[in-house]
Amino acid sequence: SSNQPTYSIYNEDDPSEYLVNSLLESLSHYDRLVITSKLRAGRNEKAKQGRYCGGGVSTGVTIQNREMIVNENEMQTVRLIFRLKKRKLTPYRIALILNEKGIKGKNGGHWFPSSVTRILRNKIYKGLLKHGSNYYPSCLGKIL
């Protein structure tokens, strides 16, 4: 296609230009679909193995050399959240306590009830990795 810079789908005088451009476009689109399919299959396979396959990382987990490892500093906060929940505190109250103690969230920000709820519902701490709508045993195992 780089050898044919004059082809244009807008030139209605020569139908062959439209045909060649359409074929090149279709081949390019097909190539993108194949690449996307291979990447998706690779991510799915890593997820089935319980390994990191992209996306956001839970509090208490860090990515190092493309693999998940437990971040003990963050896990102290996660353990505190679960201890406070055992005392029947609401996510709102837990967020207040964390903010009052000056404990920062994973990205260095304040805690919100939704952040606390997300941690309490996250199955990574029980040894399950979520990928899409499926759960797989995590390579980290049960970390809480």
Protein backbone atom coordinates (compact mmCIF):
# COMPACT_ATOMS: atom_id res chain seq x y z
CA SER A 1 0.00 0.00 0.00
CA SER A 2 2.92 2.38 0.53
CA ASN A 3 3.78 1.91 -3.16
CA GLN A 4 0.33 3.13 -4.14
CA PRO A 5 -0.04 6.51 -2.39
CA THR A 6 -2.40 7.82 -5.05
CA TYR A 7 -5.20 5.30 -4.42
CA SER A 8 -8.28 6.96 -3.04
CA ILE A 9 -11.76 5.71 -2.29
CA TYR A 10 -13.00 9.14 -3.25
CA ASN A 11 -11.88 8.87 -6.87
CA GLU A 12 -15.04 7.66 -8.58
CA ASP A 13 -13.41 7.83 -12.02
CA ASP A 14 -11.49 4.59 -11.45
CA PRO A 15 -13.36 1.76 -9.69
CA SER A 16 -10.14 -0.27 -9.39
CA GLU A 17 -8.77 2.32 -6.96
CA TYR A 18 -11.80 1.79 -4.74
CA LEU A 19 -11.37 -2.01 -4.98
CA VAL A 20 -7.65 -1.97 -4.11
CA ASN A 21 -8.18 0.42 -1.18
CA SER A 22 -11.07 -1.70 0.14
CA LEU A 23 -8.97 -4.87 -0.05
CA LEU A 24 -6.06 -3.24 1.77
CA GLU A 25 -8.43 -1.90 4.43
CA SER A 26 -9.98 -5.35 4.90
CA LEU A 27 -6.57 -7.01 5.25
CA SER A 28 -5.54 -4.42 7.81
CA HIS A 29 -8.74 -4.92 9.80
CA TYR A 30 -8.31 -8.71 9.66
CA ASP A 31 -4.74 -8.36 10.97
CA ARG A 32 -5.95 -6.23 13.90
CA LEU A 33 -8.61 -8.84 14.74
CA VAL A 34 -6.03 -11.66 14.71
CA ILE A 35 -3.68 -9.73 16.99
CA THR A 36 -6.52 -8.87 19.39
CA SER A 37 -7.62 -12.50 19.48
CA LYS A 38 -4.10 -13.71 20.29
CA LEU A 39 -3.68 -11.13 23.05
CA ARG A 40 -7.07 -12.07 24.56
CA ALA A 41 -6.16 -15.77 24.49
CA GLY A 42 -2.87 -15.03 26.23
CA ARG A 43 -4.57 -13.00 28.97
CA ASN A 44 -7.18 -15.74 29.47
CA GLU A 45 -4.46 -18.39 29.78
CA LYS A 46 -2.55 -16.33 32.36
CA ALA A 47 -5.79 -15.81 34.31
CA LYS A 48 -6.48 -19.57 34.32
CA GLN A 49 -3.00 -20.03 35.79
CA GLY A 50 -3.88 -17.48 38.50
CA ARG A 51 -1.28 -15.01 37.24
CA TYR A 52 -1.54 -11.28 36.61
CA CYS A 53 -3.12 -10.64 33.21
CA GLY A 54 -3.40 -6.85 33.16
CA GLY A 55 -5.67 -4.23 34.61
CA GLY A 56 -5.87 -2.63 38.02
CA VAL A 57 -4.09 -4.14 40.99
CA SER A 58 -5.75 -4.67 44.36
CA THR A 59 -4.53 -3.00 47.52
CA GLY A 60 -2.00 -5.34 49.10
CA VAL A 61 -0.75 -6.63 45.77
CA THR A 62 2.05 -5.22 43.61
CA ILE A 63 3.28 -6.16 40.16
CA GLN A 64 6.97 -6.96 39.90
CA ASN A 65 8.50 -8.41 36.73
CA ARG A 66 4.95 -8.88 35.36
CA GLU A 67 3.97 -11.08 38.29
CA MET A 68 1.83 -10.42 41.37
CA ILE A 69 3.50 -10.30 44.75
CA VAL A 70 2.12 -9.45 48.17
CA ASN A 71 2.88 -5.91 49.32
CA GLU A 72 3.20 -6.30 53.10
CA ASN A 73 2.92 -2.55 53.82
CA GLU A 74 -0.43 -2.36 52.05
CA MET A 75 -1.57 -5.68 53.52
CA GLN A 76 -1.29 -4.17 57.00
CA THR A 77 -3.99 -1.71 55.96
CA VAL A 78 -6.11 -4.47 54.41
CA ARG A 79 -5.84 -6.52 57.62
CA LEU A 80 -6.85 -3.46 59.65
CA ILE A 81 -9.91 -2.95 57.42
CA PHE A 82 -11.02 -6.56 57.95
CA ARG A 83 -10.41 -6.32 61.73
CA LEU A 84 -12.54 -3.17 61.90
CA LYS A 85 -15.26 -4.87 59.87
CA LYS A 86 -15.28 -7.77 62.35
CA ARG A 87 -16.06 -5.18 65.01
CA LYS A 88 -19.23 -4.42 62.99
CA LEU A 89 -18.05 -1.00 61.80
CA THR A 90 -19.54 0.37 58.59
CA PRO A 91 -17.38 1.14 55.55
CA TYR A 92 -18.09 4.83 56.23
CA ARG A 93 -16.72 4.57 59.77
CA ILE A 94 -13.72 2.48 58.63
CA ALA A 95 -12.85 5.13 56.01
CA LEU A 96 -13.03 7.83 58.70
CA ILE A 97 -10.71 5.87 60.98
CA LEU A 98 -8.18 5.28 58.20
CA ASN A 99 -8.22 8.97 57.26
CA GLU A 100 -7.92 10.07 60.91
CA LYS A 101 -4.87 7.81 61.32
CA GLY A 102 -3.32 9.36 58.21
CA ILE A 103 -3.25 6.06 56.34
CA LYS A 104 -3.20 6.72 52.62
CA GLY A 105 -4.90 4.62 49.95
CA LYS A 106 -3.05 2.65 47.29
CA ASN A 107 -2.60 5.75 45.14
CA GLY A 108 -1.82 8.03 48.07
CA GLY A 109 -5.29 9.51 48.42
CA HIS A 110 -7.99 9.58 51.09
CA TRP A 111 -10.21 6.65 51.91
CA PHE A 112 -13.88 6.57 50.93
CA PRO A 113 -16.59 4.10 51.94
CA SER A 114 -16.63 2.76 48.37
CA SER A 115 -12.88 2.03 48.57
CA VAL A 116 -13.35 0.13 51.81
CA THR A 117 -16.32 -1.79 50.38
CA ARG A 118 -14.29 -2.74 47.31
CA ILE A 119 -11.57 -4.23 49.53
CA LEU A 120 -14.08 -6.09 51.70
CA ARG A 121 -15.70 -7.67 48.61
CA ASN A 122 -12.46 -8.43 46.78
CA LYS A 123 -11.90 -12.17 46.54
CA ILE A 124 -8.15 -11.86 45.87
CA TYR A 125 -7.59 -11.97 49.63
CA LYS A 126 -9.36 -15.35 49.76
CA GLY A 127 -7.19 -16.72 46.97
CA LEU A 128 -9.32 -16.02 43.89
CA LEU A 129 -8.34 -13.92 40.89
CA LYS A 130 -11.13 -12.27 38.90
CA HIS A 131 -10.75 -12.03 35.13
CA GLY A 132 -13.80 -10.80 33.25
CA SER A 133 -16.73 -12.46 34.97
CA ASN A 134 -14.76 -15.58 35.97
CA TYR A 135 -12.76 -16.43 39.08
CA TYR A 136 -9.61 -18.56 39.08
CA PRO A 137 -7.38 -19.75 41.92
CA SER A 138 -4.74 -17.06 42.43
CA CYS A 139 -1.03 -17.91 42.29
CA LEU A 140 -0.76 -15.95 45.55
CA GLY A 141 -3.14 -18.28 47.35
CA LYS A 142 -5.11 -17.05 50.35
CA ILE A 143 -3.34 -13.91 51.58
CA LEU A 144 -5.64 -12.91 54.40
